[in-house]
């Protein structure tokens, strides 16, 4: 198969502030593979978790290496491709894009959307949350109103871990809750993500405080690297705990299964749909809940995650909804649910080619 890639920069409608900083734009990578006159598409988006960083340049270097490793393989040889990429330690975001592209190619070759090819039921997809970043209370109130005007969202993920302390988290949460009560036309589920911004003592206090206010779960309460403190929080928490930054792949699922209630799977972290499915099955075998999340993904990567969304208990696939210049179109938003299309493969097409830099050479696609 031939592999080509190009970069594109996406701007956020609302810059997102979490405990580790603020993101207003990212430069992502569009990956295309070609064989038998058919193209498969994938996307890699950069991310950073503590000392684990995958910036755009690192992803591009990984893709250049992957192009050499996979040149003589066919898209149907996904197992061999995965082995080669893993042995060469190609960055997980680059692996994710290639895995998406090979599965997109497969769906297009047989003429079926991937969700149907996998035997999944689109009707089982639950509503996604939309994200409220760390903000002063008055801005948080406005952000709730903004999301309600832009979407028919049914759930909110509220970012916490404010450097100013848990009092600031509590003030913002109350502002969000007031805005929901006064503005939402239907009930809204509330979830919280601390992005590792709390100490153990603060996490214990906040979990009790949030449970009393009807929050469904708390995500990544403690910093990555502090997993040894999770068993105590697990014993004392009155609310389900999910991990994100602490959980990259299926090995981490098994390692932390005794101290959390669920995991957040992101394609960029784990290396693609193939590994995401392993994580789902590992989590189910260990009695854990499953959610999917995203970074600054466009509709291309979101459409890939949506293909396996029927397997998730919770979804946080909203990054594309917060983009001013998404080059792609794929999913639809219906009653708060991000639904994959009936089109073959990932069901994605270009909406605006002008946002793509260094456009890869064209392939014939039937």
Protein backbone atom coordinates (compact mmCIF):
# COMPACT_ATOMS: atom_id res chain seq x y z
CA UNK A 1 0.00 0.00 0.00
CA UNK A 2 1.05 3.58 -0.62
CA UNK A 3 0.93 6.00 2.32
CA UNK A 4 0.60 9.77 2.06
CA UNK A 5 -0.04 12.39 4.72
CA UNK A 6 -0.60 16.12 5.12
CA UNK A 7 -1.07 18.50 8.04
CA UNK A 8 -4.06 20.69 8.85
CA UNK A 9 -4.55 23.18 11.68
CA UNK A 10 -7.88 23.39 13.50
CA UNK A 11 -9.04 26.30 15.64
CA UNK A 12 -11.34 25.85 18.60
CA UNK A 13 -14.51 27.87 18.87
CA UNK A 14 -14.01 28.00 22.64
CA UNK A 15 -10.39 27.62 23.81
CA UNK A 16 -10.30 24.74 26.29
CA UNK A 17 -8.64 25.17 29.67
CA UNK A 18 -7.93 22.12 31.83
CA UNK A 19 -5.73 21.65 34.89
CA UNK A 20 -2.61 21.42 32.70
CA UNK A 21 -3.17 24.46 30.48
CA UNK A 22 -5.18 25.94 27.60
CA UNK A 23 -5.52 24.78 23.98
CA UNK A 24 -6.85 27.06 21.25
CA UNK A 25 -5.61 25.22 18.14
CA UNK A 26 -3.68 22.13 17.09
CA UNK A 27 -2.02 20.89 13.93
CA UNK A 28 -3.29 17.42 13.07
CA UNK A 29 -2.29 14.97 10.34
CA UNK A 30 -4.48 13.51 7.60
CA UNK A 31 -3.27 10.06 6.53
CA UNK A 32 -4.27 8.35 3.29
CA UNK A 33 -3.42 4.84 2.18
CA UNK A 34 -4.07 3.46 -1.29
CA UNK A 35 -4.29 -0.03 -2.74
CA UNK A 36 -6.34 -1.49 -5.60
CA UNK A 37 -7.52 2.01 -6.52
CA UNK A 38 -9.22 2.46 -3.13
CA UNK A 39 -8.28 5.03 -0.50
CA UNK A 40 -8.50 4.67 3.27
CA UNK A 41 -8.32 7.72 5.52
CA UNK A 42 -7.10 8.25 9.07
CA UNK A 43 -6.19 11.11 11.40
CA UNK A 44 -3.55 11.69 14.04
CA UNK A 45 -3.91 14.51 16.55
CA UNK A 46 -1.15 15.57 18.98
CA UNK A 47 -1.44 15.19 22.74
CA UNK A 48 0.64 15.60 25.87
CA UNK A 49 0.30 13.85 29.23
CA UNK A 50 2.99 14.75 31.74
CA UNK A 51 6.34 13.70 30.29
CA UNK A 52 4.62 11.71 27.51
CA UNK A 53 4.37 14.04 24.53
CA UNK A 54 3.35 13.36 20.95
CA UNK A 55 3.57 16.71 19.14
CA UNK A 56 2.84 17.00 15.45
CA UNK A 57 6.50 16.75 14.46
CA UNK A 58 6.92 13.47 16.36
CA UNK A 59 3.82 12.07 14.65
CA UNK A 60 5.13 13.07 11.22
CA UNK A 61 8.47 11.40 11.92
CA UNK A 62 6.62 8.26 12.98
CA UNK A 63 4.57 8.27 9.79
CA UNK A 64 7.66 8.64 7.64
CA UNK A 65 9.14 5.59 9.36
CA UNK A 66 5.83 3.72 9.01
CA UNK A 67 5.77 4.42 5.28
CA UNK A 68 9.00 2.45 4.94
CA UNK A 69 7.89 -0.33 7.30
CA UNK A 70 4.55 -0.96 5.59
CA UNK A 71 5.39 -0.23 1.95
CA UNK A 72 5.10 -3.82 0.72
CA UNK A 73 2.10 -4.74 2.90
CA UNK A 74 -1.52 -4.76 1.77
CA UNK A 75 -4.25 -3.04 3.85
CA UNK A 76 -5.69 -6.48 4.61
CA UNK A 77 -2.45 -7.37 6.46
CA UNK A 78 -3.41 -5.38 9.55
CA UNK A 79 -1.95 -7.87 12.02
CA UNK A 80 1.47 -7.76 10.40
CA UNK A 81 1.28 -3.98 10.15
CA UNK A 82 0.48 -3.69 13.85
CA UNK A 83 3.39 -5.95 14.80
CA UNK A 84 5.85 -3.95 12.75
CA UNK A 85 4.65 -0.61 14.08
CA UNK A 86 4.76 -1.82 17.68
CA UNK A 87 8.24 -3.30 17.36
CA UNK A 88 9.48 -0.06 15.80
CA UNK A 89 7.87 1.98 18.63
CA UNK A 90 5.99 4.21 16.20
CA UNK A 91 4.02 6.83 18.22
CA UNK A 92 0.52 5.71 19.15
CA UNK A 93 -1.20 8.65 17.40
CA UNK A 94 0.51 7.72 14.11
CA UNK A 95 -0.49 4.07 14.64
CA UNK A 96 -4.07 5.20 15.29
CA UNK A 97 -4.24 7.06 11.99
CA UNK A 98 -2.88 4.09 10.04
CA UNK A 99 -5.21 1.65 11.79
CA UNK A 100 -8.19 3.88 10.99
CA UNK A 101 -7.09 4.16 7.38
CA UNK A 102 -6.75 0.39 6.93
CA UNK A 103 -10.20 -0.20 8.45
CA UNK A 104 -11.67 2.60 6.33
CA UNK A 105 -10.12 0.91 3.29
CA UNK A 106 -11.64 -2.42 4.30
CA UNK A 107 -15.12 -0.96 4.71
CA UNK A 108 -14.90 0.76 1.34
CA UNK A 109 -13.70 -2.42 -0.33
CA UNK A 110 -16.71 -4.43 0.90
CA UNK A 111 -19.12 -1.50 0.68
CA UNK A 112 -20.17 -1.41 4.34
CA UNK A 113 -19.79 1.08 7.19
CA UNK A 114 -17.34 -0.21 9.77
CA UNK A 115 -19.93 -0.32 12.56
CA UNK A 116 -22.05 -2.68 10.45
CA UNK A 117 -19.04 -4.72 9.36
CA UNK A 118 -18.28 -5.26 13.07
CA UNK A 119 -21.87 -6.36 13.72
CA UNK A 120 -22.67 -3.41 16.02
CA UNK A 121 -26.03 -1.73 16.61
CA UNK A 122 -26.02 2.02 15.96
CA UNK A 123 -29.18 2.42 18.03
CA UNK A 124 -27.21 1.53 21.18
CA UNK A 125 -25.07 4.68 21.02
CA UNK A 126 -25.54 6.89 24.09
CA UNK A 127 -25.45 10.73 24.07
CA UNK A 128 -22.05 12.37 24.14
CA UNK A 129 -21.07 14.94 26.70
CA UNK A 130 -19.92 18.41 25.62
CA UNK A 131 -17.13 20.02 27.59
CA UNK A 132 -17.09 23.07 29.85
CA UNK A 133 -13.48 24.09 30.44
CA UNK A 134 -12.07 25.70 33.57
CA UNK A 135 -13.41 29.27 33.63
CA UNK A 136 -14.63 31.92 36.05
CA UNK A 137 -18.25 31.23 37.04
CA UNK A 138 -19.75 33.89 34.78
CA UNK A 139 -17.96 32.52 31.71
CA UNK A 140 -18.92 28.96 32.64
CA UNK A 141 -22.58 30.02 32.75
CA UNK A 142 -22.28 31.53 29.28
CA UNK A 143 -20.53 28.46 27.96
CA UNK A 144 -23.47 26.29 29.01
CA UNK A 145 -25.81 28.60 27.13
CA UNK A 146 -23.48 28.55 24.11
CA UNK A 147 -23.46 24.75 23.94
CA UNK A 148 -27.22 24.55 24.36
CA UNK A 149 -27.64 26.99 21.48
CA UNK A 150 -25.18 25.16 19.22
CA UNK A 151 -26.23 21.58 19.96
CA UNK A 152 -28.98 19.46 21.46
CA UNK A 153 -26.51 18.16 24.04
CA UNK A 154 -27.83 15.94 26.81
CA UNK A 155 -24.69 15.75 29.00
CA UNK A 156 -21.95 18.08 30.22
CA UNK A 157 -18.38 17.24 31.17
CA UNK A 158 -17.12 19.90 33.58
CA UNK A 159 -13.36 20.35 33.80
CA UNK A 160 -11.95 20.78 37.29
CA UNK A 161 -8.57 20.80 38.98
CA UNK A 162 -8.42 24.61 38.97
CA UNK A 163 -4.95 25.77 40.12
CA UNK A 164 -6.77 28.17 42.47
CA UNK A 165 -8.09 25.22 44.47
CA UNK A 166 -11.25 23.20 45.03
CA UNK A 167 -13.20 26.26 46.18
CA UNK A 168 -12.83 27.63 42.64
CA UNK A 169 -13.94 24.25 41.26
CA UNK A 170 -17.01 24.31 43.47
CA UNK A 171 -17.93 27.87 42.49
CA UNK A 172 -17.70 27.03 38.78
CA UNK A 173 -19.70 23.82 39.22
CA UNK A 174 -22.53 25.68 40.98
CA UNK A 175 -22.56 28.25 38.16
CA UNK A 176 -22.85 25.47 35.60
CA UNK A 177 -25.61 23.78 37.54
CA UNK A 178 -27.56 27.05 37.82
CA UNK A 179 -27.21 27.66 34.07
CA UNK A 180 -28.46 24.16 33.30
CA UNK A 181 -31.45 24.60 35.60
CA UNK A 182 -32.41 27.90 33.99
CA UNK A 183 -31.58 27.20 30.34
CA UNK A 184 -31.66 23.49 29.48
CA UNK A 185 -34.85 22.34 27.72
CA UNK A 186 -34.35 18.77 28.96
CA UNK A 187 -32.50 16.98 31.78
CA UNK A 188 -28.70 17.15 31.52
CA UNK A 189 -26.30 14.56 32.90
CA UNK A 190 -23.32 16.09 34.70
CA UNK A 191 -19.85 14.52 34.69
CA UNK A 192 -16.56 15.88 36.07
CA UNK A 193 -12.99 15.53 34.81
CA UNK A 194 -10.19 16.76 37.09
CA UNK A 195 -7.38 15.85 34.62
CA UNK A 196 -5.20 14.85 37.56
CA UNK A 197 -5.56 18.24 39.22
CA UNK A 198 -6.40 17.16 42.77
CA UNK A 199 -4.46 15.84 45.73
CA UNK A 200 -5.79 12.72 47.41
CA UNK A 201 -7.28 14.78 50.26
CA UNK A 202 -9.01 17.16 47.84
CA UNK A 203 -10.23 14.26 45.71
CA UNK A 204 -11.87 12.60 48.72
CA UNK A 205 -13.65 15.86 49.61
CA UNK A 206 -14.70 16.61 46.05
CA UNK A 207 -16.01 13.13 45.31
CA UNK A 208 -18.37 13.35 48.29
CA UNK A 209 -19.34 16.92 47.42
CA UNK A 210 -20.07 16.08 43.78
CA UNK A 211 -21.92 12.86 44.60
CA UNK A 212 -24.32 14.90 46.72
CA UNK A 213 -25.02 17.06 43.67
CA UNK A 214 -25.91 14.24 41.30
CA UNK A 215 -22.67 13.95 39.31
CA UNK A 216 -22.47 10.62 37.44
CA UNK A 217 -18.72 10.03 37.74
CA UNK A 218 -15.35 11.69 38.29
CA UNK A 219 -12.59 11.20 35.74
CA UNK A 220 -8.84 11.17 36.50
CA UNK A 221 -9.03 12.67 39.99
CA UNK A 222 -5.31 12.09 40.69
CA UNK A 223 -2.23 12.84 38.62
CA UNK A 224 -0.76 10.15 36.39
CA UNK A 225 1.92 8.45 38.46
CA UNK A 226 -0.14 8.58 41.66
CA UNK A 227 -2.09 5.39 40.98
CA UNK A 228 -0.92 3.90 44.28
CA UNK A 229 -3.27 6.37 46.01
CA UNK A 230 -6.28 5.27 43.94
CA UNK A 231 -7.17 2.26 46.18
CA UNK A 232 -7.81 4.56 49.15
CA UNK A 233 -9.89 6.93 47.06
CA UNK A 234 -11.73 3.95 45.58
CA UNK A 235 -12.61 2.70 49.09
CA UNK A 236 -13.77 6.10 50.29
CA UNK A 237 -15.42 7.57 47.21
CA UNK A 238 -19.20 7.66 46.95
CA UNK A 239 -19.03 8.25 43.20
CA UNK A 240 -17.64 6.10 40.34
CA UNK A 241 -14.03 6.80 39.35
CA UNK A 242 -12.70 6.67 35.78
CA UNK A 243 -9.10 6.95 34.63
CA UNK A 244 -7.87 8.59 31.44
CA UNK A 245 -4.26 9.80 31.61
CA UNK A 246 -3.38 6.72 33.69
CA UNK A 247 -4.70 4.31 31.04
CA UNK A 248 -3.07 4.05 27.62
CA UNK A 249 -3.75 0.50 26.45
CA UNK A 250 -5.13 -2.89 27.48
CA UNK A 251 -2.16 -3.58 29.78
CA UNK A 252 -3.13 -0.57 31.91
CA UNK A 253 -6.74 -1.76 32.08
CA UNK A 254 -5.63 -4.95 33.80
CA UNK A 255 -3.15 -3.13 36.05
CA UNK A 256 -5.65 -0.69 37.56
CA UNK A 257 -8.86 -2.71 37.46
CA UNK A 258 -8.87 -3.12 41.26
CA UNK A 259 -8.95 0.61 41.97
CA UNK A 260 -11.32 2.26 39.46
CA UNK A 261 -14.83 1.75 38.10
CA UNK A 262 -14.08 2.54 34.48
CA UNK A 263 -11.62 3.64 31.81
CA UNK A 264 -11.52 6.37 29.17
CA UNK A 265 -10.31 5.04 25.82
CA UNK A 266 -8.83 7.47 23.31
CA UNK A 267 -7.70 6.31 19.89
CA UNK A 268 -4.59 8.51 19.94
CA UNK A 269 -3.43 7.10 23.27
CA UNK A 270 -4.03 3.44 22.54
CA UNK A 271 -3.02 3.29 18.88
CA UNK A 272 -6.32 2.87 17.04
CA UNK A 273 -9.60 1.04 16.78
CA UNK A 274 -7.98 -2.41 16.93
CA UNK A 275 -6.40 -1.79 20.34
CA UNK A 276 -9.50 0.11 21.51
CA UNK A 277 -11.54 -3.04 20.95
CA UNK A 278 -9.03 -5.05 23.01
CA UNK A 279 -9.41 -2.49 25.79
CA UNK A 280 -13.20 -2.76 25.67
CA UNK A 281 -13.11 -6.54 25.97
CA UNK A 282 -10.48 -6.46 28.71
CA UNK A 283 -12.53 -3.93 30.67
CA UNK A 284 -15.71 -5.98 30.32
CA UNK A 285 -13.94 -9.13 31.48
CA UNK A 286 -12.79 -7.24 34.58
CA UNK A 287 -16.20 -5.70 35.33
CA UNK A 288 -15.25 -2.14 34.36
CA UNK A 289 -17.27 0.49 32.55
CA UNK A 290 -16.07 2.00 29.29
CA UNK A 291 -16.07 5.50 27.89
CA UNK A 292 -14.45 7.00 24.80
CA UNK A 293 -12.81 10.41 24.73
CA UNK A 294 -10.90 12.60 22.31
CA UNK A 295 -8.26 15.30 22.01
CA UNK A 296 -8.52 18.06 19.38
CA UNK A 297 -9.80 15.53 16.84
CA UNK A 298 -11.63 16.57 13.69
CA UNK A 299 -14.68 14.77 12.34
CA UNK A 300 -12.36 12.20 10.76
CA UNK A 301 -11.06 10.71 14.01
CA UNK A 302 -14.39 11.27 15.75
CA UNK A 303 -16.11 9.28 13.00
CA UNK A 304 -13.62 6.48 13.59
CA UNK A 305 -14.43 6.37 17.31
CA UNK A 306 -18.15 6.57 16.55
CA UNK A 307 -17.93 3.32 14.58
CA UNK A 308 -17.38 1.42 17.85
CA UNK A 309 -19.48 3.74 20.02
CA UNK A 310 -22.23 1.12 20.53
CA UNK A 311 -19.81 -0.66 22.89
CA UNK A 312 -19.39 2.30 25.27
CA UNK A 313 -21.27 3.19 28.46
CA UNK A 314 -20.31 6.87 28.21
CA UNK A 315 -19.07 9.07 25.38
CA UNK A 316 -17.06 12.27 25.26
CA UNK A 317 -16.77 12.70 21.50
CA UNK A 318 -17.32 16.43 21.17
CA UNK A 319 -14.04 17.91 19.91
CA UNK A 320 -15.31 18.31 16.34
CA UNK A 321 -18.31 20.26 17.61
CA UNK A 322 -15.91 22.86 19.01
CA UNK A 323 -13.98 23.46 15.77
CA UNK A 324 -14.36 26.56 13.61
CA UNK A 325 -12.71 24.97 10.57
CA UNK A 326 -13.23 21.22 10.50
CA UNK A 327 -12.03 20.03 7.07
CA UNK A 328 -14.10 16.83 7.26
CA UNK A 329 -17.69 15.69 7.64
CA UNK A 330 -18.82 12.28 8.80
CA UNK A 331 -21.07 11.89 11.82
CA UNK A 332 -24.41 13.49 12.59
CA UNK A 333 -25.66 14.78 15.95
CA UNK A 334 -29.15 13.53 16.81
CA UNK A 335 -30.67 14.05 20.26
CA UNK A 336 -27.18 14.49 21.65
CA UNK A 337 -25.85 11.30 20.04
CA UNK A 338 -22.87 11.32 17.67
CA UNK A 339 -23.95 8.81 15.02
CA UNK A 340 -21.79 7.31 12.25
CA UNK A 341 -23.21 7.41 8.77
CA UNK A 342 -24.32 4.59 6.44
CA UNK A 343 -21.46 5.34 4.04
CA UNK A 344 -18.77 2.66 3.60
CA UNK A 345 -15.74 2.58 5.87
CA UNK A 346 -15.58 5.49 8.29
CA UNK A 347 -18.11 7.40 6.18
CA UNK A 348 -16.00 10.58 6.02
CA UNK A 349 -15.64 13.08 3.18
CA UNK A 350 -13.81 16.37 2.72
CA UNK A 351 -15.76 19.51 3.51
CA UNK A 352 -12.99 22.04 2.91
CA UNK A 353 -9.75 21.10 1.17
CA UNK A 354 -8.35 24.65 1.61
CA UNK A 355 -7.61 23.90 5.28
CA UNK A 356 -5.21 21.09 4.34
CA UNK A 357 -1.49 21.96 4.00
CA UNK A 358 0.91 20.08 1.72
CA UNK A 359 -1.94 18.14 0.13
CA UNK A 360 -0.85 14.55 -0.54
CA UNK A 361 -0.81 13.38 -4.12
CA UNK A 362 -4.19 12.27 -5.40
CA UNK A 363 -5.15 8.63 -5.77
CA UNK A 364 -7.89 7.26 -7.91
CA UNK A 365 -10.88 6.17 -5.83
CA UNK A 366 -13.81 4.45 -7.53
